[in-house]
N, C-alpha and C. Protein backbone atom coordinates (compact mmCIF):
# COMPACT_ATOMS: atom_id res chain seq x y z
N MET A 1 0.93 -1.22 0.01
CA MET A 1 -0.09 0.07 -0.05
C MET A 1 0.97 1.28 -0.10
N HIS A 2 0.32 2.10 -0.59
CA HIS A 2 0.97 3.47 -0.67
C HIS A 2 0.30 4.53 0.34
N PHE A 3 0.99 5.23 1.25
CA PHE A 3 0.28 6.15 2.07
C PHE A 3 0.80 7.57 1.98
N GLY A 4 1.63 7.83 0.80
CA GLY A 4 2.10 9.24 0.57
C GLY A 4 1.02 10.06 0.11
N ILE A 5 1.27 11.31 -0.17
CA ILE A 5 0.32 12.15 -0.62
C ILE A 5 0.26 12.30 -2.16
N GLY A 6 -0.99 11.90 -2.54
CA GLY A 6 -1.03 11.92 -4.05
C GLY A 6 -0.74 10.50 -4.54
N SER A 7 -0.83 10.26 -5.79
CA SER A 7 -0.49 8.86 -6.40
C SER A 7 0.96 8.81 -6.66
N ARG A 8 1.61 7.70 -7.04
CA ARG A 8 2.92 7.70 -7.28
C ARG A 8 3.29 8.27 -8.54
N LYS A 9 2.44 8.25 -9.53
CA LYS A 9 2.63 9.14 -10.75
C LYS A 9 2.80 10.59 -10.44
N GLU A 10 1.79 11.02 -9.39
CA GLU A 10 1.89 12.60 -9.12
C GLU A 10 3.29 12.90 -8.55
N GLN A 11 3.72 12.07 -7.73
CA GLN A 11 4.86 12.34 -6.70
C GLN A 11 6.02 12.45 -7.81
N GLY A 12 6.01 11.29 -8.81
CA GLY A 12 7.09 11.38 -9.90
C GLY A 12 7.17 12.53 -10.71
N GLN A 13 5.91 13.10 -11.07
CA GLN A 13 5.70 14.38 -11.71
C GLN A 13 6.33 15.51 -11.06
N LYS A 14 5.96 15.58 -9.63
CA LYS A 14 6.46 16.56 -8.79
C LYS A 14 8.08 16.57 -8.74
N ALA A 15 8.66 15.35 -8.64
CA ALA A 15 9.97 15.13 -8.72
C ALA A 15 10.61 15.65 -9.92
N ASP A 16 10.24 15.16 -11.04
CA ASP A 16 10.53 15.56 -12.41
C ASP A 16 10.49 17.26 -12.62
N ARG A 17 9.45 17.84 -12.12
CA ARG A 17 9.25 19.18 -12.14
C ARG A 17 10.30 19.91 -11.38
N SER A 18 10.47 19.39 -10.18
CA SER A 18 11.61 19.94 -9.31
C SER A 18 12.99 19.99 -9.86
N LYS A 19 13.24 18.79 -10.63
CA LYS A 19 14.60 18.72 -11.44
C LYS A 19 14.50 19.74 -12.36
N PHE A 20 13.46 19.67 -13.05
CA PHE A 20 13.33 20.74 -14.27
C PHE A 20 13.59 22.22 -14.02
N ILE A 21 12.90 22.70 -12.87
CA ILE A 21 12.95 24.19 -12.71
C ILE A 21 14.19 24.46 -11.99
N SER A 22 14.96 23.36 -11.48
CA SER A 22 16.32 23.74 -10.98
C SER A 22 17.46 23.49 -12.02
N SER A 23 17.07 23.11 -13.23
CA SER A 23 18.09 22.82 -14.11
C SER A 23 18.52 24.23 -15.01
N TYR A 24 19.60 24.19 -15.62
CA TYR A 24 20.14 25.35 -16.27
C TYR A 24 20.03 25.23 -17.86
N PRO A 25 19.08 25.90 -18.45
CA PRO A 25 18.86 25.74 -20.00
C PRO A 25 20.05 26.62 -20.58
N VAL A 26 20.68 26.05 -21.55
CA VAL A 26 21.72 26.61 -22.45
C VAL A 26 21.42 26.45 -23.92
N GLN A 27 21.74 27.49 -24.60
CA GLN A 27 21.45 27.29 -26.12
C GLN A 27 22.39 26.33 -26.68
N ASN A 28 22.03 25.72 -27.62
CA ASN A 28 22.72 24.58 -28.46
C ASN A 28 23.94 25.40 -29.16
N PRO A 29 25.22 25.21 -29.14
CA PRO A 29 26.13 26.03 -29.73
C PRO A 29 26.15 25.80 -31.25
N SER A 30 25.36 24.92 -31.77
CA SER A 30 25.40 24.52 -33.26
C SER A 30 24.26 25.44 -33.90
N VAL A 31 23.51 26.21 -33.21
CA VAL A 31 22.58 27.08 -33.79
C VAL A 31 23.04 28.50 -33.64
N THR A 32 22.70 29.50 -34.57
CA THR A 32 23.02 30.73 -34.38
C THR A 32 21.83 31.63 -34.08
N SER A 33 22.02 32.61 -33.48
CA SER A 33 20.83 33.34 -33.29
C SER A 33 21.27 34.92 -33.40
N THR A 34 20.41 35.65 -33.99
CA THR A 34 20.73 37.13 -34.19
C THR A 34 19.62 37.95 -33.61
N LYS A 35 19.92 39.01 -33.03
CA LYS A 35 18.96 39.95 -32.29
C LYS A 35 18.77 41.14 -33.35
N SER A 36 17.36 41.41 -33.65
CA SER A 36 17.06 42.46 -34.51
C SER A 36 17.05 43.83 -33.71
N ASP A 37 16.80 44.67 -34.43
CA ASP A 37 16.77 46.10 -33.77
C ASP A 37 15.59 46.19 -32.72
N SER A 38 14.53 45.45 -33.02
CA SER A 38 13.43 45.65 -32.17
C SER A 38 13.50 44.48 -30.97
N GLY A 39 14.68 43.96 -30.83
CA GLY A 39 15.07 43.13 -29.64
C GLY A 39 14.48 41.77 -29.75
N GLU A 40 13.98 41.24 -30.99
CA GLU A 40 13.58 39.82 -31.21
C GLU A 40 14.69 39.02 -31.88
N TYR A 41 14.73 37.85 -31.42
CA TYR A 41 15.69 36.92 -32.04
C TYR A 41 15.34 36.03 -33.21
N THR A 42 16.14 35.84 -34.21
CA THR A 42 15.95 34.85 -35.18
C THR A 42 17.03 33.75 -35.03
N ILE A 43 16.41 32.66 -34.92
CA ILE A 43 17.38 31.29 -34.67
C ILE A 43 17.60 30.74 -36.11
N GLU A 44 18.84 30.38 -36.37
CA GLU A 44 19.06 29.75 -37.67
C GLU A 44 19.59 28.20 -37.24
N ILE A 45 18.92 27.05 -37.65
CA ILE A 45 19.17 25.90 -37.28
C ILE A 45 19.69 24.98 -38.55
N PRO A 46 21.01 24.53 -38.43
CA PRO A 46 21.59 23.93 -39.64
C PRO A 46 20.77 22.66 -39.78
N LEU A 47 20.58 22.20 -41.07
CA LEU A 47 19.92 20.92 -41.32
C LEU A 47 20.96 19.90 -41.94
N LYS A 48 20.65 18.64 -41.75
CA LYS A 48 21.54 17.61 -42.28
C LYS A 48 21.35 17.53 -43.78
N LYS A 49 22.57 17.35 -44.37
CA LYS A 49 22.55 17.38 -45.84
C LYS A 49 21.99 15.92 -46.18
N PRO A 50 21.18 16.02 -47.20
CA PRO A 50 20.54 14.68 -47.79
C PRO A 50 21.73 13.98 -48.68
N PRO A 51 21.28 12.55 -48.80
CA PRO A 51 22.32 11.91 -49.73
C PRO A 51 22.39 12.66 -51.15
N LYS A 52 23.49 12.59 -51.79
CA LYS A 52 23.95 13.37 -52.93
C LYS A 52 22.89 13.07 -54.07
N TRP A 53 22.47 11.72 -54.17
CA TRP A 53 21.48 11.28 -55.27
C TRP A 53 20.11 12.01 -55.06
N MET A 54 19.81 12.52 -53.96
CA MET A 54 18.66 13.14 -53.60
C MET A 54 18.44 14.55 -54.12
N THR A 55 19.78 15.23 -54.24
CA THR A 55 19.86 16.53 -54.73
C THR A 55 19.97 16.76 -56.15
N PHE A 56 19.78 15.56 -56.79
CA PHE A 56 20.00 15.66 -58.31
C PHE A 56 18.70 16.34 -59.01
N PHE A 57 17.59 16.07 -58.33
CA PHE A 57 16.25 16.79 -58.99
C PHE A 57 15.76 17.88 -58.02
N VAL A 58 15.90 17.66 -56.73
CA VAL A 58 15.42 18.75 -55.78
C VAL A 58 16.48 19.33 -55.03
N THR A 59 16.41 20.64 -54.75
CA THR A 59 17.31 21.33 -53.88
C THR A 59 16.83 21.41 -52.43
N PHE A 60 17.53 21.18 -51.53
CA PHE A 60 17.18 21.20 -50.16
C PHE A 60 17.63 22.44 -49.33
N PRO A 61 16.99 23.06 -48.30
CA PRO A 61 17.54 24.06 -47.55
C PRO A 61 18.75 23.54 -46.76
N GLU A 62 19.62 24.48 -46.45
CA GLU A 62 20.91 24.18 -45.76
C GLU A 62 20.48 24.44 -44.14
N LYS A 63 19.50 25.29 -43.85
CA LYS A 63 19.21 25.85 -42.56
C LYS A 63 17.66 26.01 -42.52
N LYS A 64 17.17 26.02 -41.34
CA LYS A 64 15.77 26.39 -40.95
C LYS A 64 15.81 27.61 -40.09
N THR A 65 14.88 28.65 -40.42
CA THR A 65 15.03 29.76 -39.43
C THR A 65 13.67 29.87 -38.77
N VAL A 66 13.80 30.28 -37.47
CA VAL A 66 12.61 30.35 -36.61
C VAL A 66 12.80 31.71 -35.97
N LYS A 67 11.74 32.49 -36.13
CA LYS A 67 11.53 33.90 -35.54
C LYS A 67 10.87 33.92 -34.21
N LEU A 68 11.55 34.26 -33.30
CA LEU A 68 10.85 34.37 -31.86
C LEU A 68 10.16 35.72 -31.68
N ASP A 69 9.09 35.81 -30.90
CA ASP A 69 8.28 37.01 -30.51
C ASP A 69 9.06 37.46 -29.33
N ALA A 70 8.54 38.75 -28.75
CA ALA A 70 9.22 39.41 -27.62
C ALA A 70 9.59 38.38 -26.44
N LEU A 71 8.33 37.71 -26.19
CA LEU A 71 8.37 36.80 -24.83
C LEU A 71 9.51 35.61 -25.15
N GLY A 72 9.42 35.25 -26.24
CA GLY A 72 10.34 34.04 -26.64
C GLY A 72 11.73 34.42 -26.59
N SER A 73 11.96 35.74 -27.15
CA SER A 73 13.34 36.32 -27.41
C SER A 73 13.78 36.63 -25.76
N PHE A 74 12.87 37.03 -24.95
CA PHE A 74 13.36 37.36 -23.53
C PHE A 74 13.74 36.01 -22.75
N VAL A 75 13.08 34.93 -23.05
CA VAL A 75 13.31 33.57 -22.57
C VAL A 75 14.73 33.17 -23.00
N TRP A 76 14.80 33.26 -24.49
CA TRP A 76 16.08 32.71 -25.31
C TRP A 76 17.13 33.42 -24.82
N GLN A 77 17.31 34.73 -24.54
CA GLN A 77 18.54 35.33 -24.07
C GLN A 77 19.01 34.73 -22.73
N LEU A 78 17.98 34.35 -22.00
CA LEU A 78 18.29 33.91 -20.44
C LEU A 78 18.69 32.47 -20.48
N CYS A 79 18.72 31.80 -21.64
CA CYS A 79 19.06 30.58 -21.72
C CYS A 79 20.67 30.42 -21.94
N ASP A 80 21.33 30.81 -20.76
CA ASP A 80 22.76 31.01 -20.85
C ASP A 80 23.69 30.03 -19.98
N GLY A 81 22.93 29.19 -19.45
CA GLY A 81 23.58 28.21 -18.52
C GLY A 81 23.88 28.78 -17.18
N ARG A 82 23.45 30.06 -16.88
CA ARG A 82 23.56 30.66 -15.56
C ARG A 82 22.17 30.94 -14.82
N HIS A 83 21.20 30.83 -15.71
CA HIS A 83 19.86 31.03 -14.97
C HIS A 83 19.18 29.70 -14.98
N THR A 84 18.48 29.42 -13.86
CA THR A 84 17.76 28.34 -13.71
C THR A 84 16.42 28.33 -14.53
N VAL A 85 15.48 27.45 -14.85
CA VAL A 85 14.12 27.68 -15.34
C VAL A 85 13.48 28.36 -14.41
N GLN A 86 13.64 28.29 -13.10
CA GLN A 86 12.87 28.95 -12.21
C GLN A 86 13.33 30.47 -12.13
N ASP A 87 14.48 30.79 -12.35
CA ASP A 87 15.10 32.21 -12.55
C ASP A 87 14.38 32.95 -13.68
N ILE A 88 14.43 31.99 -14.78
CA ILE A 88 13.74 32.54 -16.05
C ILE A 88 12.27 32.81 -15.91
N VAL A 89 11.44 31.91 -15.06
CA VAL A 89 10.21 32.28 -14.77
C VAL A 89 9.95 33.45 -14.03
N THR A 90 10.76 33.66 -12.99
CA THR A 90 10.68 34.87 -12.14
C THR A 90 10.89 36.15 -12.81
N GLU A 91 12.16 36.23 -13.70
CA GLU A 91 12.48 37.42 -14.25
C GLU A 91 11.42 37.77 -15.54
N LEU A 92 10.59 36.74 -16.06
CA LEU A 92 9.67 36.98 -17.11
C LEU A 92 8.49 37.55 -16.46
N ALA A 93 8.00 36.94 -15.31
CA ALA A 93 6.87 37.50 -14.63
C ALA A 93 7.09 38.75 -14.05
N ASP A 94 8.32 39.07 -13.48
CA ASP A 94 8.43 40.46 -13.13
C ASP A 94 8.60 41.49 -14.17
N HIS A 95 9.37 41.10 -15.28
CA HIS A 95 9.47 42.12 -16.36
C HIS A 95 8.13 42.39 -17.14
N TYR A 96 7.20 41.37 -17.17
CA TYR A 96 6.08 41.63 -18.04
C TYR A 96 4.80 41.60 -17.10
N LYS A 97 5.06 41.68 -15.77
CA LYS A 97 4.04 41.72 -14.83
C LYS A 97 2.99 40.62 -14.94
N LEU A 98 3.47 39.48 -15.03
CA LEU A 98 2.54 38.47 -15.32
C LEU A 98 2.58 37.58 -13.98
N ASN A 99 1.39 36.83 -13.83
CA ASN A 99 1.09 35.92 -12.79
C ASN A 99 2.22 34.83 -12.81
N LYS A 100 2.81 34.55 -11.67
CA LYS A 100 3.90 33.47 -11.72
C LYS A 100 3.41 32.25 -12.19
N ALA A 101 2.24 31.63 -11.91
CA ALA A 101 1.82 30.52 -12.34
C ALA A 101 1.64 30.41 -13.91
N GLU A 102 1.17 31.42 -14.39
CA GLU A 102 0.94 31.55 -15.91
C GLU A 102 2.39 31.59 -16.63
N ALA A 103 3.15 32.44 -16.00
CA ALA A 103 4.58 32.55 -16.60
C ALA A 103 5.30 31.08 -16.34
N ALA A 104 5.02 30.40 -15.37
CA ALA A 104 5.62 29.18 -15.34
C ALA A 104 5.18 28.10 -16.28
N ALA A 105 3.85 28.19 -16.56
CA ALA A 105 3.26 27.28 -17.53
C ALA A 105 3.90 27.48 -19.13
N SER A 106 3.95 28.80 -19.33
CA SER A 106 4.41 29.23 -20.62
C SER A 106 5.77 28.95 -20.77
N VAL A 107 6.59 29.29 -19.85
CA VAL A 107 8.11 28.99 -19.90
C VAL A 107 8.26 27.60 -20.05
N ASP A 108 7.66 26.80 -19.15
CA ASP A 108 7.89 25.36 -19.13
C ASP A 108 7.53 24.76 -20.60
N LYS A 109 6.43 25.09 -21.17
CA LYS A 109 6.01 24.67 -22.41
C LYS A 109 7.17 25.10 -23.47
N PHE A 110 7.43 26.34 -23.42
CA PHE A 110 8.26 26.88 -24.48
C PHE A 110 9.77 26.05 -24.43
N LEU A 111 10.29 26.05 -23.10
CA LEU A 111 11.53 25.40 -23.01
C LEU A 111 11.53 24.00 -23.39
N LEU A 112 10.52 23.37 -22.96
CA LEU A 112 10.39 21.96 -23.39
C LEU A 112 10.30 21.63 -24.82
N GLU A 113 9.65 22.61 -25.57
CA GLU A 113 9.53 22.50 -26.91
C GLU A 113 10.97 22.87 -27.65
N LEU A 114 11.63 23.83 -27.01
CA LEU A 114 13.00 24.11 -27.59
C LEU A 114 13.93 22.84 -27.18
N GLY A 115 13.73 22.17 -26.21
CA GLY A 115 14.56 20.88 -25.81
C GLY A 115 14.26 19.96 -26.83
N LYS A 116 12.88 19.67 -26.99
CA LYS A 116 12.62 18.64 -28.01
C LYS A 116 13.27 18.89 -29.49
N ARG A 117 13.35 20.01 -29.77
CA ARG A 117 13.90 20.45 -31.20
C ARG A 117 15.40 20.50 -31.06
N GLY A 118 16.12 20.29 -29.90
CA GLY A 118 17.41 20.31 -29.85
C GLY A 118 18.06 21.69 -29.76
N LEU A 119 17.18 22.79 -29.52
CA LEU A 119 17.82 24.19 -29.53
C LEU A 119 18.43 24.53 -28.34
N VAL A 120 17.89 23.80 -27.20
CA VAL A 120 18.53 23.97 -25.74
C VAL A 120 18.74 22.66 -25.22
N ILE A 121 19.81 22.66 -24.34
CA ILE A 121 19.87 21.54 -23.39
C ILE A 121 19.94 22.00 -21.97
N PHE A 122 19.41 20.97 -21.16
CA PHE A 122 19.32 21.51 -19.77
C PHE A 122 20.50 20.71 -18.87
N LEU A 123 21.24 21.83 -18.28
CA LEU A 123 22.50 21.25 -17.50
C LEU A 123 21.97 21.08 -15.86
N VAL A 124 22.80 20.28 -15.27
CA VAL A 124 22.29 20.22 -13.87
C VAL A 124 23.12 21.08 -12.95
N LYS A 125 24.20 21.77 -13.36
CA LYS A 125 25.13 22.65 -12.70
C LYS A 125 25.19 23.94 -13.68
N PRO A 126 25.40 25.26 -13.10
CA PRO A 126 25.57 26.28 -14.03
C PRO A 126 26.85 26.19 -14.60
N VAL A 127 26.72 26.94 -15.87
CA VAL A 127 28.00 27.27 -16.62
C VAL A 127 28.62 28.58 -15.92
N HIS A 128 29.90 28.60 -15.64
CA HIS A 128 30.47 29.65 -14.97
C HIS A 128 31.47 30.41 -16.06
N GLU A 129 31.62 31.53 -16.14
CA GLU A 129 32.32 32.40 -17.24
C GLU A 129 33.58 31.65 -17.36
N ALA A 130 34.36 31.36 -16.09
CA ALA A 130 35.72 30.91 -16.22
C ALA A 130 35.75 29.55 -16.96
N ASP A 131 34.78 28.71 -16.62
CA ASP A 131 34.54 27.41 -17.29
C ASP A 131 34.52 27.67 -18.90
N ALA A 132 33.57 28.49 -19.22
CA ALA A 132 33.43 28.65 -20.68
C ALA A 132 34.61 29.39 -21.37
N GLN A 133 35.19 30.19 -20.62
CA GLN A 133 36.53 30.65 -21.18
C GLN A 133 37.49 29.64 -21.39
N ALA A 134 37.79 28.70 -20.31
CA ALA A 134 38.58 27.57 -20.36
C ALA A 134 38.37 26.56 -21.37
N LYS A 135 36.95 26.32 -21.89
CA LYS A 135 36.66 25.58 -22.84
C LYS A 135 36.99 25.98 -24.20
N ALA A 136 36.73 27.37 -24.30
CA ALA A 136 37.09 28.13 -25.57
C ALA A 136 38.70 28.14 -25.79
N GLU A 137 39.35 28.30 -24.70
CA GLU A 137 40.84 28.14 -24.84
C GLU A 137 41.31 26.78 -25.39
N SER A 138 40.51 25.77 -24.67
CA SER A 138 41.09 24.53 -24.89
C SER A 138 40.81 23.85 -26.40
N VAL A 139 39.77 24.66 -27.04
CA VAL A 139 39.37 24.48 -28.41
C VAL A 139 40.44 25.34 -29.32
N THR A 140 40.93 26.43 -29.02
CA THR A 140 41.75 26.89 -29.91
C THR A 140 42.99 26.38 -29.92
N PRO A 141 43.36 26.16 -31.41
CA PRO A 141 44.70 25.34 -31.71
C PRO A 141 45.91 26.27 -31.03
N LYS A 142 46.67 25.43 -30.45
CA LYS A 142 47.90 26.05 -29.93
C LYS A 142 48.95 26.37 -30.85
N LYS A 143 49.85 27.29 -30.83
CA LYS A 143 50.88 27.49 -31.86
C LYS A 143 51.96 26.48 -31.53
N GLY A 144 52.48 26.00 -32.73
CA GLY A 144 53.49 25.02 -32.80
C GLY A 144 54.86 25.87 -32.50
N PRO A 145 55.94 24.98 -32.26
CA PRO A 145 57.17 25.64 -31.95
C PRO A 145 57.60 26.59 -33.04
N GLU A 146 57.43 26.32 -34.55
CA GLU A 146 57.86 27.17 -35.42
C GLU A 146 56.98 28.33 -35.42
N GLU A 147 55.54 28.42 -35.14
CA GLU A 147 54.76 29.57 -35.10
C GLU A 147 55.18 30.38 -34.10
N ALA A 148 55.41 29.74 -32.76
CA ALA A 148 55.73 30.54 -31.76
C ALA A 148 56.90 31.40 -31.94
N SER A 149 58.00 30.75 -32.53
CA SER A 149 59.12 31.63 -32.62
C SER A 149 59.09 32.62 -33.71
N ALA A 150 58.25 32.26 -34.79
CA ALA A 150 57.95 33.25 -35.82
C ALA A 150 57.11 34.34 -35.25
N GLY A 151 56.48 34.33 -34.39
CA GLY A 151 55.56 35.30 -33.83
C GLY A 151 56.38 36.30 -32.88
N SER A 152 57.58 35.93 -32.34
CA SER A 152 58.33 36.66 -31.49
C SER A 152 59.13 37.53 -32.12
């Protein structure tokens, strides 16, 4: 027998929700986004290239473009790996003077859709600027001995 509050399914959903709202959404680095003068973002998603034989008769797009409205753009810019989902809900509700429950429902739905499409990923720990800088430096090719001496 189960004597907890609510059904086991409800308890599982509450646990999943608490993990979700404490996660740190971060934009997928393979997509590019540009901010317009009005402050709204356009996201460009690279598409997989089809087999060469398929391109003989039909041309395929190289990318898909998604334009976000003001609310979507607000949420998108906060998907930086330093804000939790709960932080984003709070900031959205405060900035647009929304009810927190309505803001939470909208943000949850939007972020889950972005996650399904692979546009954001959800981290357990925040991304720190020092970590991001270290990763960027580790990706940058180091100068070889001949380049180092030539540059001096």
